[in-house]
PDB file of N, CA and C in Angstrom:
ATOM      1  N   MET A   1      56.318 -34.797 -39.928  1.00  0.00           N
ATOM      2  CA  MET A   1      56.683 -33.405 -40.065  1.00  0.00           C
ATOM      3  C   MET A   1      55.411 -32.588 -40.326  1.00  0.00           C
ATOM      4  N   ALA A   2      55.319 -31.460 -39.660  1.00  0.00           N
ATOM      5  CA  ALA A   2      54.142 -30.608 -39.784  1.00  0.00           C
ATOM      6  C   ALA A   2      54.185 -29.836 -41.099  1.00  0.00           C
ATOM      7  N   LYS A   3      53.005 -29.584 -41.627  1.00  0.00           N
ATOM      8  CA  LYS A   3      52.879 -28.767 -42.840  1.00  0.00           C
ATOM      9  C   LYS A   3      52.897 -27.298 -42.441  1.00  0.00           C
ATOM     10  N   ARG A   4      53.729 -26.504 -43.098  1.00  0.00           N
ATOM     11  CA  ARG A   4      53.840 -25.068 -42.822  1.00  0.00           C
ATOM     12  C   ARG A   4      52.855 -24.320 -43.708  1.00  0.00           C
ATOM     13  N   VAL A   5      52.062 -23.456 -43.063  1.00  0.00           N
ATOM     14  CA  VAL A   5      51.123 -22.587 -43.762  1.00  0.00           C
ATOM     15  C   VAL A   5      51.566 -21.154 -43.481  1.00  0.00           C
ATOM     16  N   ILE A   6      51.990 -20.460 -44.526  1.00  0.00           N
ATOM     17  CA  ILE A   6      52.436 -19.073 -44.376  1.00  0.00           C
ATOM     18  C   ILE A   6      51.219 -18.175 -44.519  1.00  0.00           C
ATOM     19  N   LEU A   7      50.912 -17.454 -43.443  1.00  0.00           N
ATOM     20  CA  LEU A   7      49.763 -16.561 -43.449  1.00  0.00           C
ATOM     21  C   LEU A   7      50.103 -15.297 -44.235  1.00  0.00           C
ATOM     22  N   GLY A   8      49.159 -14.863 -45.055  1.00  0.00           N
ATOM     23  CA  GLY A   8      49.367 -13.684 -45.885  1.00  0.00           C
ATOM     24  C   GLY A   8      49.331 -12.401 -45.085  1.00  0.00           C
ATOM     25  N   PRO A   9      49.734 -11.296 -45.707  1.00  0.00           N
ATOM     26  CA  PRO A   9      49.787 -10.027 -44.989  1.00  0.00           C
ATOM     27  C   PRO A   9      48.419  -9.450 -44.640  1.00  0.00           C
ATOM     28  N   LYS A  10      47.433  -9.653 -45.483  1.00  0.00           N
ATOM     29  CA  LYS A  10      46.119  -9.054 -45.251  1.00  0.00           C
ATOM     30  C   LYS A  10      45.081 -10.158 -45.113  1.00  0.00           C
ATOM     31  N   LEU A  11      44.765 -10.489 -43.874  1.00  0.00           N
ATOM     32  CA  LEU A  11      43.798 -11.553 -43.592  1.00  0.00           C
ATOM     33  C   LEU A  11      42.444 -10.915 -43.301  1.00  0.00           C
ATOM     34  N   ASP A  12      41.788 -10.478 -44.370  1.00  0.00           N
ATOM     35  CA  ASP A  12      40.489  -9.830 -44.258  1.00  0.00           C
ATOM     36  C   ASP A  12      39.413 -10.755 -44.820  1.00  0.00           C
ATOM     37  N   THR A  13      38.211 -10.252 -44.964  1.00  0.00           N
ATOM     38  CA  THR A  13      37.101 -11.052 -45.472  1.00  0.00           C
ATOM     39  C   THR A  13      37.413 -11.642 -46.843  1.00  0.00           C
ATOM     40  N   ALA A  14      38.027 -10.852 -47.708  1.00  0.00           N
ATOM     41  CA  ALA A  14      38.359 -11.329 -49.047  1.00  0.00           C
ATOM     42  C   ALA A  14      39.349 -12.498 -49.020  1.00  0.00           C
ATOM     43  N   ALA A  15      40.183 -12.563 -48.007  1.00  0.00           N
ATOM     44  CA  ALA A  15      41.194 -13.624 -47.905  1.00  0.00           C
ATOM     45  C   ALA A  15      40.681 -14.877 -47.205  1.00  0.00           C
ATOM     46  N   SER A  16      39.510 -14.810 -46.593  1.00  0.00           N
ATOM     47  CA  SER A  16      39.052 -15.916 -45.740  1.00  0.00           C
ATOM     48  C   SER A  16      38.818 -17.217 -46.513  1.00  0.00           C
ATOM     49  N   THR A  17      38.284 -17.142 -47.718  1.00  0.00           N
ATOM     50  CA  THR A  17      38.036 -18.361 -48.497  1.00  0.00           C
ATOM     51  C   THR A  17      39.349 -19.036 -48.876  1.00  0.00           C
ATOM     52  N   ASN A  18      40.323 -18.243 -49.322  1.00  0.00           N
ATOM     53  CA  ASN A  18      41.623 -18.822 -49.680  1.00  0.00           C
ATOM     54  C   ASN A  18      42.314 -19.422 -48.463  1.00  0.00           C
ATOM     55  N   LEU A  19      42.217 -18.748 -47.332  1.00  0.00           N
ATOM     56  CA  LEU A  19      42.812 -19.273 -46.099  1.00  0.00           C
ATOM     57  C   LEU A  19      42.159 -20.595 -45.722  1.00  0.00           C
ATOM     58  N   ARG A  20      40.841 -20.626 -45.761  1.00  0.00           N
ATOM     59  CA  ARG A  20      40.120 -21.872 -45.445  1.00  0.00           C
ATOM     60  C   ARG A  20      40.562 -23.000 -46.357  1.00  0.00           C
ATOM     61  N   ASP A  21      40.636 -22.726 -47.662  1.00  0.00           N
ATOM     62  CA  ASP A  21      41.018 -23.759 -48.622  1.00  0.00           C
ATOM     63  C   ASP A  21      42.446 -24.251 -48.380  1.00  0.00           C
ATOM     64  N   GLU A  22      43.350 -23.322 -48.072  1.00  0.00           N
ATOM     65  CA  GLU A  22      44.738 -23.712 -47.807  1.00  0.00           C
ATOM     66  C   GLU A  22      44.824 -24.583 -46.556  1.00  0.00           C
ATOM     67  N   LEU A  23      44.088 -24.225 -45.535  1.00  0.00           N
ATOM     68  CA  LEU A  23      44.100 -25.026 -44.310  1.00  0.00           C
ATOM     69  C   LEU A  23      43.495 -26.398 -44.552  1.00  0.00           C
ATOM     70  N   LEU A  24      42.418 -26.463 -45.300  1.00  0.00           N
ATOM     71  CA  LEU A  24      41.784 -27.759 -45.554  1.00  0.00           C
ATOM     72  C   LEU A  24      42.683 -28.683 -46.369  1.00  0.00           C
ATOM     73  N   ARG A  25      43.559 -28.122 -47.191  1.00  0.00           N
ATOM     74  CA  ARG A  25      44.518 -28.967 -47.927  1.00  0.00           C
ATOM     75  C   ARG A  25      45.493 -29.661 -46.977  1.00  0.00           C
ATOM     76  N   ALA A  26      45.636 -29.125 -45.788  1.00  0.00           N
ATOM     77  CA  ALA A  26      46.539 -29.718 -44.791  1.00  0.00           C
ATOM     78  C   ALA A  26      45.789 -30.567 -43.773  1.00  0.00           C
ATOM     79  N   GLU A  27      44.498 -30.765 -43.979  1.00  0.00           N
ATOM     80  CA  GLU A  27      43.713 -31.542 -43.018  1.00  0.00           C
ATOM     81  C   GLU A  27      44.303 -32.939 -42.870  1.00  0.00           C
ATOM     82  N   GLY A  28      44.365 -33.406 -41.643  1.00  0.00           N
ATOM     83  CA  GLY A  28      44.921 -34.722 -41.360  1.00  0.00           C
ATOM     84  C   GLY A  28      46.408 -34.680 -41.034  1.00  0.00           C
ATOM     85  N   GLU A  29      47.001 -33.489 -41.054  1.00  0.00           N
ATOM     86  CA  GLU A  29      48.416 -33.325 -40.728  1.00  0.00           C
ATOM     87  C   GLU A  29      48.540 -32.290 -39.610  1.00  0.00           C
ATOM     88  N   ASP A  30      49.613 -32.365 -38.852  1.00  0.00           N
ATOM     89  CA  ASP A  30      49.935 -31.273 -37.935  1.00  0.00           C
ATOM     90  C   ASP A  30      50.290 -30.072 -38.796  1.00  0.00           C
ATOM     91  N   ILE A  31      49.959 -28.871 -38.324  1.00  0.00           N
ATOM     92  CA  ILE A  31      50.293 -27.682 -39.100  1.00  0.00           C
ATOM     93  C   ILE A  31      51.010 -26.647 -38.241  1.00  0.00           C
ATOM     94  N   VAL A  32      51.859 -25.876 -38.907  1.00  0.00           N
ATOM     95  CA  VAL A  32      52.537 -24.733 -38.315  1.00  0.00           C
ATOM     96  C   VAL A  32      52.068 -23.510 -39.092  1.00  0.00           C
ATOM     97  N   LEU A  33      51.456 -22.572 -38.392  1.00  0.00           N
ATOM     98  CA  LEU A  33      51.037 -21.318 -38.994  1.00  0.00           C
ATOM     99  C   LEU A  33      52.167 -20.311 -38.819  1.00  0.00           C
ATOM    100  N   ASP A  34      52.665 -19.771 -39.915  1.00  0.00           N
ATOM    101  CA  ASP A  34      53.735 -18.780 -39.865  1.00  0.00           C
ATOM    102  C   ASP A  34      53.100 -17.403 -40.001  1.00  0.00           C
ATOM    103  N   GLY A  35      53.122 -16.624 -38.922  1.00  0.00           N
ATOM    104  CA  GLY A  35      52.467 -15.329 -38.896  1.00  0.00           C
ATOM    105  C   GLY A  35      53.391 -14.145 -39.092  1.00  0.00           C
ATOM    106  N   ALA A  36      54.594 -14.366 -39.608  1.00  0.00           N
ATOM    107  CA  ALA A  36      55.594 -13.307 -39.723  1.00  0.00           C
ATOM    108  C   ALA A  36      55.176 -12.176 -40.651  1.00  0.00           C
ATOM    109  N   HIS A  37      54.345 -12.470 -41.654  1.00  0.00           N
ATOM    110  CA  HIS A  37      54.007 -11.475 -42.669  1.00  0.00           C
ATOM    111  C   HIS A  37      52.659 -10.805 -42.456  1.00  0.00           C
ATOM    112  N   VAL A  38      51.969 -11.135 -41.381  1.00  0.00           N
ATOM    113  CA  VAL A  38      50.611 -10.614 -41.171  1.00  0.00           C
ATOM    114  C   VAL A  38      50.670  -9.142 -40.755  1.00  0.00           C
ATOM    115  N   ASP A  39      49.993  -8.311 -41.544  1.00  0.00           N
ATOM    116  CA  ASP A  39      49.842  -6.890 -41.220  1.00  0.00           C
ATOM    117  C   ASP A  39      48.459  -6.587 -40.667  1.00  0.00           C
ATOM    118  N   MET A  40      47.479  -7.431 -41.034  1.00  0.00           N
ATOM    119  CA  MET A  40      46.095  -7.180 -40.630  1.00  0.00           C
ATOM    120  C   MET A  40      45.339  -8.497 -40.500  1.00  0.00           C
ATOM    121  N   LEU A  41      44.645  -8.660 -39.393  1.00  0.00           N
ATOM    122  CA  LEU A  41      43.809  -9.834 -39.161  1.00  0.00           C
ATOM    123  C   LEU A  41      42.395  -9.364 -38.879  1.00  0.00           C
ATOM    124  N   GLY A  42      41.475  -9.773 -39.734  1.00  0.00           N
ATOM    125  CA  GLY A  42      40.074  -9.428 -39.558  1.00  0.00           C
ATOM    126  C   GLY A  42      39.293 -10.578 -38.939  1.00  0.00           C
ATOM    127  N   ALA A  43      38.045 -10.289 -38.601  1.00  0.00           N
ATOM    128  CA  ALA A  43      37.199 -11.262 -37.909  1.00  0.00           C
ATOM    129  C   ALA A  43      36.950 -12.520 -38.730  1.00  0.00           C
ATOM    130  N   SER A  44      36.789 -12.386 -40.046  1.00  0.00           N
ATOM    131  CA  SER A  44      36.491 -13.564 -40.876  1.00  0.00           C
ATOM    132  C   SER A  44      37.636 -14.564 -40.865  1.00  0.00           C
ATOM    133  N   CYS A  45      38.858 -14.068 -41.024  1.00  0.00           N
ATOM    134  CA  CYS A  45      40.004 -14.983 -41.014  1.00  0.00           C
ATOM    135  C   CYS A  45      40.285 -15.510 -39.613  1.00  0.00           C
ATOM    136  N   LEU A  46      40.026 -14.704 -38.608  1.00  0.00           N
ATOM    137  CA  LEU A  46      40.170 -15.199 -37.238  1.00  0.00           C
ATOM    138  C   LEU A  46      39.209 -16.360 -37.010  1.00  0.00           C
ATOM    139  N   GLU A  47      37.991 -16.225 -37.488  1.00  0.00           N
ATOM    140  CA  GLU A  47      37.011 -17.306 -37.357  1.00  0.00           C
ATOM    141  C   GLU A  47      37.492 -18.565 -38.069  1.00  0.00           C
ATOM    142  N   VAL A  48      38.078 -18.413 -39.250  1.00  0.00           N
ATOM    143  CA  VAL A  48      38.624 -19.559 -39.988  1.00  0.00           C
ATOM    144  C   VAL A  48      39.741 -20.213 -39.182  1.00  0.00           C
ATOM    145  N   LEU A  49      40.638 -19.407 -38.636  1.00  0.00           N
ATOM    146  CA  LEU A  49      41.753 -19.956 -37.856  1.00  0.00           C
ATOM    147  C   LEU A  49      41.272 -20.681 -36.614  1.00  0.00           C
ATOM    148  N   LEU A  50      40.340 -20.087 -35.888  1.00  0.00           N
ATOM    149  CA  LEU A  50      39.826 -20.738 -34.675  1.00  0.00           C
ATOM    150  C   LEU A  50      39.069 -22.021 -35.012  1.00  0.00           C
ATOM    151  N   GLY A  51      38.341 -22.004 -36.119  1.00  0.00           N
ATOM    152  CA  GLY A  51      37.645 -23.220 -36.554  1.00  0.00           C
ATOM    153  C   GLY A  51      38.627 -24.322 -36.906  1.00  0.00           C
ATOM    154  N   ALA A  52      39.719 -23.947 -37.565  1.00  0.00           N
ATOM    155  CA  ALA A  52      40.743 -24.937 -37.920  1.00  0.00           C
ATOM    156  C   ALA A  52      41.385 -25.522 -36.673  1.00  0.00           C
ATOM    157  N   VAL A  53      41.683 -24.663 -35.704  1.00  0.00           N
ATOM    158  CA  VAL A  53      42.275 -25.152 -34.454  1.00  0.00           C
ATOM    159  C   VAL A  53      41.346 -26.175 -33.801  1.00  0.00           C
ATOM    160  N   GLU A  54      40.080 -25.860 -33.753  1.00  0.00           N
ATOM    161  CA  GLU A  54      39.111 -26.784 -33.147  1.00  0.00           C
ATOM    162  C   GLU A  54      39.049 -28.113 -33.908  1.00  0.00           C
ATOM    163  N   LEU A  55      39.005 -28.042 -35.242  1.00  0.00           N
ATOM    164  CA  LEU A  55      38.965 -29.247 -36.073  1.00  0.00           C
ATOM    165  C   LEU A  55      40.221 -30.082 -35.881  1.00  0.00           C
ATOM    166  N   TRP A  56      41.385 -29.420 -35.911  1.00  0.00           N
ATOM    167  CA  TRP A  56      42.642 -30.155 -35.760  1.00  0.00           C
ATOM    168  C   TRP A  56      42.717 -30.814 -34.386  1.00  0.00           C
ATOM    169  N   ARG A  57      42.341 -30.087 -33.345  1.00  0.00           N
ATOM    170  CA  ARG A  57      42.361 -30.661 -31.988  1.00  0.00           C
ATOM    171  C   ARG A  57      41.432 -31.860 -31.899  1.00  0.00           C
ATOM    172  N   ARG A  58      40.251 -31.733 -32.449  1.00  0.00           N
ATOM    173  CA  ARG A  58      39.276 -32.834 -32.403  1.00  0.00           C
ATOM    174  C   ARG A  58      39.823 -34.066 -33.113  1.00  0.00           C
ATOM    175  N   ASP A  59      40.592 -33.840 -34.190  1.00  0.00           N
ATOM    176  CA  ASP A  59      41.155 -34.955 -34.953  1.00  0.00           C
ATOM    177  C   ASP A  59      42.498 -35.446 -34.420  1.00  0.00           C
ATOM    178  N   GLY A  60      42.964 -34.840 -33.299  1.00  0.00           N
ATOM    179  CA  GLY A  60      44.198 -35.303 -32.668  1.00  0.00           C
ATOM    180  C   GLY A  60      45.472 -34.761 -33.293  1.00  0.00           C
ATOM    181  N   HIS A  61      45.368 -33.650 -34.013  1.00  0.00           N
ATOM    182  CA  HIS A  61      46.543 -33.051 -34.639  1.00  0.00           C
ATOM    183  C   HIS A  61      46.853 -31.713 -33.976  1.00  0.00           C
ATOM    184  N   SER A  62      48.091 -31.279 -34.131  1.00  0.00           N
ATOM    185  CA  SER A  62      48.505 -30.038 -33.484  1.00  0.00           C
ATOM    186  C   SER A  62      48.506 -28.869 -34.461  1.00  0.00           C
ATOM    187  N   VAL A  63      48.308 -27.686 -33.886  1.00  0.00           N
ATOM    188  CA  VAL A  63      48.434 -26.425 -34.608  1.00  0.00           C
ATOM    189  C   VAL A  63      49.392 -25.568 -33.790  1.00  0.00           C
ATOM    190  N   THR A  64      50.414 -25.063 -34.454  1.00  0.00           N
ATOM    191  CA  THR A  64      51.394 -24.206 -33.810  1.00  0.00           C
ATOM    192  C   THR A  64      51.441 -22.886 -34.562  1.00  0.00           C
ATOM    193  N   LEU A  65      51.526 -21.792 -33.824  1.00  0.00           N
ATOM    194  CA  LEU A  65      51.694 -20.470 -34.432  1.00  0.00           C
ATOM    195  C   LEU A  65      53.116 -20.014 -34.172  1.00  0.00           C
ATOM    196  N   GLU A  66      53.876 -19.794 -35.251  1.00  0.00           N
ATOM    197  CA  GLU A  66      55.256 -19.344 -35.128  1.00  0.00           C
ATOM    198  C   GLU A  66      55.402 -17.944 -35.719  1.00  0.00           C
ATOM    199  N   ASN A  67      56.358 -17.217 -35.217  1.00  0.00           N
ATOM    200  CA  ASN A  67      56.740 -15.914 -35.751  1.00  0.00           C
ATOM    201  C   ASN A  67      55.583 -14.922 -35.850  1.00  0.00           C
ATOM    202  N   PRO A  68      54.731 -14.810 -34.844  1.00  0.00           N
ATOM    203  CA  PRO A  68      53.631 -13.849 -34.987  1.00  0.00           C
ATOM    204  C   PRO A  68      54.190 -12.426 -35.094  1.00  0.00           C
ATOM    205  N   SER A  69      53.781 -11.722 -36.129  1.00  0.00           N
ATOM    206  CA  SER A  69      54.236 -10.343 -36.315  1.00  0.00           C
ATOM    207  C   SER A  69      53.662  -9.462 -35.205  1.00  0.00           C
ATOM    208  N   PRO A  70      54.284  -8.334 -34.942  1.00  0.00           N
ATOM    209  CA  PRO A  70      53.718  -7.415 -33.945  1.00  0.00           C
ATOM    210  C   PRO A  70      52.283  -6.999 -34.277  1.00  0.00           C
ATOM    211  N   GLN A  71      51.988  -6.836 -35.567  1.00  0.00           N
ATOM    212  CA  GLN A  71      50.634  -6.470 -35.978  1.00  0.00           C
ATOM    213  C   GLN A  71      49.649  -7.596 -35.698  1.00  0.00           C
ATOM    214  N   LEU A  72      50.083  -8.839 -35.908  1.00  0.00           N
ATOM    215  CA  LEU A  72      49.211  -9.978 -35.612  1.00  0.00           C
ATOM    216  C   LEU A  72      48.922 -10.037 -34.120  1.00  0.00           C
ATOM    217  N   VAL A  73      49.947  -9.858 -33.303  1.00  0.00           N
ATOM    218  CA  VAL A  73      49.752  -9.877 -31.852  1.00  0.00           C
ATOM    219  C   VAL A  73      48.787  -8.757 -31.444  1.00  0.00           C
ATOM    220  N   GLU A  74      48.980  -7.573 -32.016  1.00  0.00           N
ATOM    221  CA  GLU A  74      48.102  -6.436 -31.705  1.00  0.00           C
ATOM    222  C   GLU A  74      46.664  -6.706 -32.140  1.00  0.00           C
ATOM    223  N   ASN A  75      46.492  -7.239 -33.352  1.00  0.00           N
ATOM    224  CA  ASN A  75      45.141  -7.533 -33.837  1.00  0.00           C
ATOM    225  C   ASN A  75      44.466  -8.608 -33.003  1.00  0.00           C
ATOM    226  N   LEU A  76      45.203  -9.628 -32.592  1.00  0.00           N
ATOM    227  CA  LEU A  76      44.638 -10.657 -31.722  1.00  0.00           C
ATOM    228  C   LEU A  76      44.188 -10.034 -30.402  1.00  0.00           C
ATOM    229  N   GLY A  77      44.995  -9.118 -29.880  1.00  0.00           N
ATOM    230  CA  GLY A  77      44.647  -8.439 -28.638  1.00  0.00           C
ATOM    231  C   GLY A  77      43.341  -7.674 -28.740  1.00  0.00           C
ATOM    232  N   ARG A  78      43.065  -7.111 -29.897  1.00  0.00           N
ATOM    233  CA  ARG A  78      41.796  -6.394 -30.100  1.00  0.00           C
ATOM    234  C   ARG A  78      40.591  -7.324 -29.990  1.00  0.00           C
ATOM    235  N   PHE A  79      40.819  -8.600 -30.267  1.00  0.00           N
ATOM    236  CA  PHE A  79      39.757  -9.601 -30.133  1.00  0.00           C
ATOM    237  C   PHE A  79      39.799 -10.282 -28.766  1.00  0.00           C
ATOM    238  N   GLY A  80      40.700  -9.830 -27.897  1.00  0.00           N
ATOM    239  CA  GLY A  80      40.821 -10.419 -26.575  1.00  0.00           C
ATOM    240  C   GLY A  80      41.585 -11.728 -26.571  1.00  0.00           C
ATOM    241  N   LEU A  81      42.417 -11.933 -27.572  1.00  0.00           N
ATOM    242  CA  LEU A  81      43.178 -13.178 -27.704  1.00  0.00           C
ATOM    243  C   LEU A  81      44.669 -12.891 -27.673  1.00  0.00           C
ATOM    244  N   SER A  82      45.435 -13.945 -27.529  1.00  0.00           N
ATOM    245  CA  SER A  82      46.891 -13.882 -27.606  1.00  0.00           C
ATOM    246  C   SER A  82      47.350 -14.972 -28.557  1.00  0.00           C
ATOM    247  N   PRO A  83      48.600 -14.914 -29.038  1.00  0.00           N
ATOM    248  CA  PRO A  83      49.082 -15.990 -29.914  1.00  0.00           C
ATOM    249  C   PRO A  83      48.951 -17.371 -29.281  1.00  0.00           C
ATOM    250  N   ASP A  84      49.212 -17.474 -27.981  1.00  0.00           N
ATOM    251  CA  ASP A  84      49.071 -18.773 -27.317  1.00  0.00           C
ATOM    252  C   ASP A  84      47.632 -19.252 -27.323  1.00  0.00           C
ATOM    253  N   LEU A  85      46.701 -18.346 -27.063  1.00  0.00           N
ATOM    254  CA  LEU A  85      45.307 -18.726 -26.980  1.00  0.00           C
ATOM    255  C   LEU A  85      44.737 -19.156 -28.314  1.00  0.00           C
ATOM    256  N   ILE A  86      45.219 -18.571 -29.411  1.00  0.00           N
ATOM    257  CA  ILE A  86      44.659 -18.940 -30.706  1.00  0.00           C
ATOM    258  C   ILE A  86      44.940 -20.412 -31.020  1.00  0.00           C
ATOM    259  N   VAL A  87      46.110 -20.928 -30.649  1.00  0.00           N
ATOM    260  CA  VAL A  87      46.393 -22.326 -30.943  1.00  0.00           C
ATOM    261  C   VAL A  87      45.870 -23.279 -29.868  1.00  0.00           C
ATOM    262  N   GLU A  88      45.520 -22.729 -28.717  1.00  0.00           N
ATOM    263  CA  GLU A  88      44.886 -23.557 -27.691  1.00  0.00           C
ATOM    264  C   GLU A  88      43.393 -23.658 -27.923  1.00  0.00           C
ATOM    265  N   GLY A  89      42.867 -22.735 -28.720  1.00  0.00           N
ATOM    266  CA  GLY A  89      41.436 -22.698 -28.997  1.00  0.00           C
ATOM    267  C   GLY A  89      40.721 -21.815 -28.019  1.00  0.00           C
ATOM    268  N   ALA A  90      39.976 -20.889 -28.537  1.00  0.00           N
ATOM    269  CA  ALA A  90      39.203 -19.983 -27.681  1.00  0.00           C
ATOM    270  C   ALA A  90      37.765 -20.471 -27.634  1.00  0.00           C
ATOM    271  N   THR A  91      37.301 -20.717 -26.446  1.00  0.00           N
ATOM    272  CA  THR A  91      35.913 -21.171 -26.315  1.00  0.00           C
ATOM    273  C   THR A  91      35.135 -20.214 -25.468  1.00  0.00           C
TER     274      THR A  91
END
């Protein structure tokens, strides 16, 4: 069973360390990112998420993004990404 990680509403620079730590606690497991509550996604947390996707893929585990909020989808679009692309890994 995958570990569910509920993404907070404000994923800015201040939140990036906590996000990284929460993701690392799930290292070695498949994870489901729940994006229902995200109001804002900044570059620092996006970098953490993309790094986690790369690490999980390299280790043979899956990352799934569920319930992306409209704001999360919009913020990803500003970076040229989509919800599908974030879990596939952007290179």
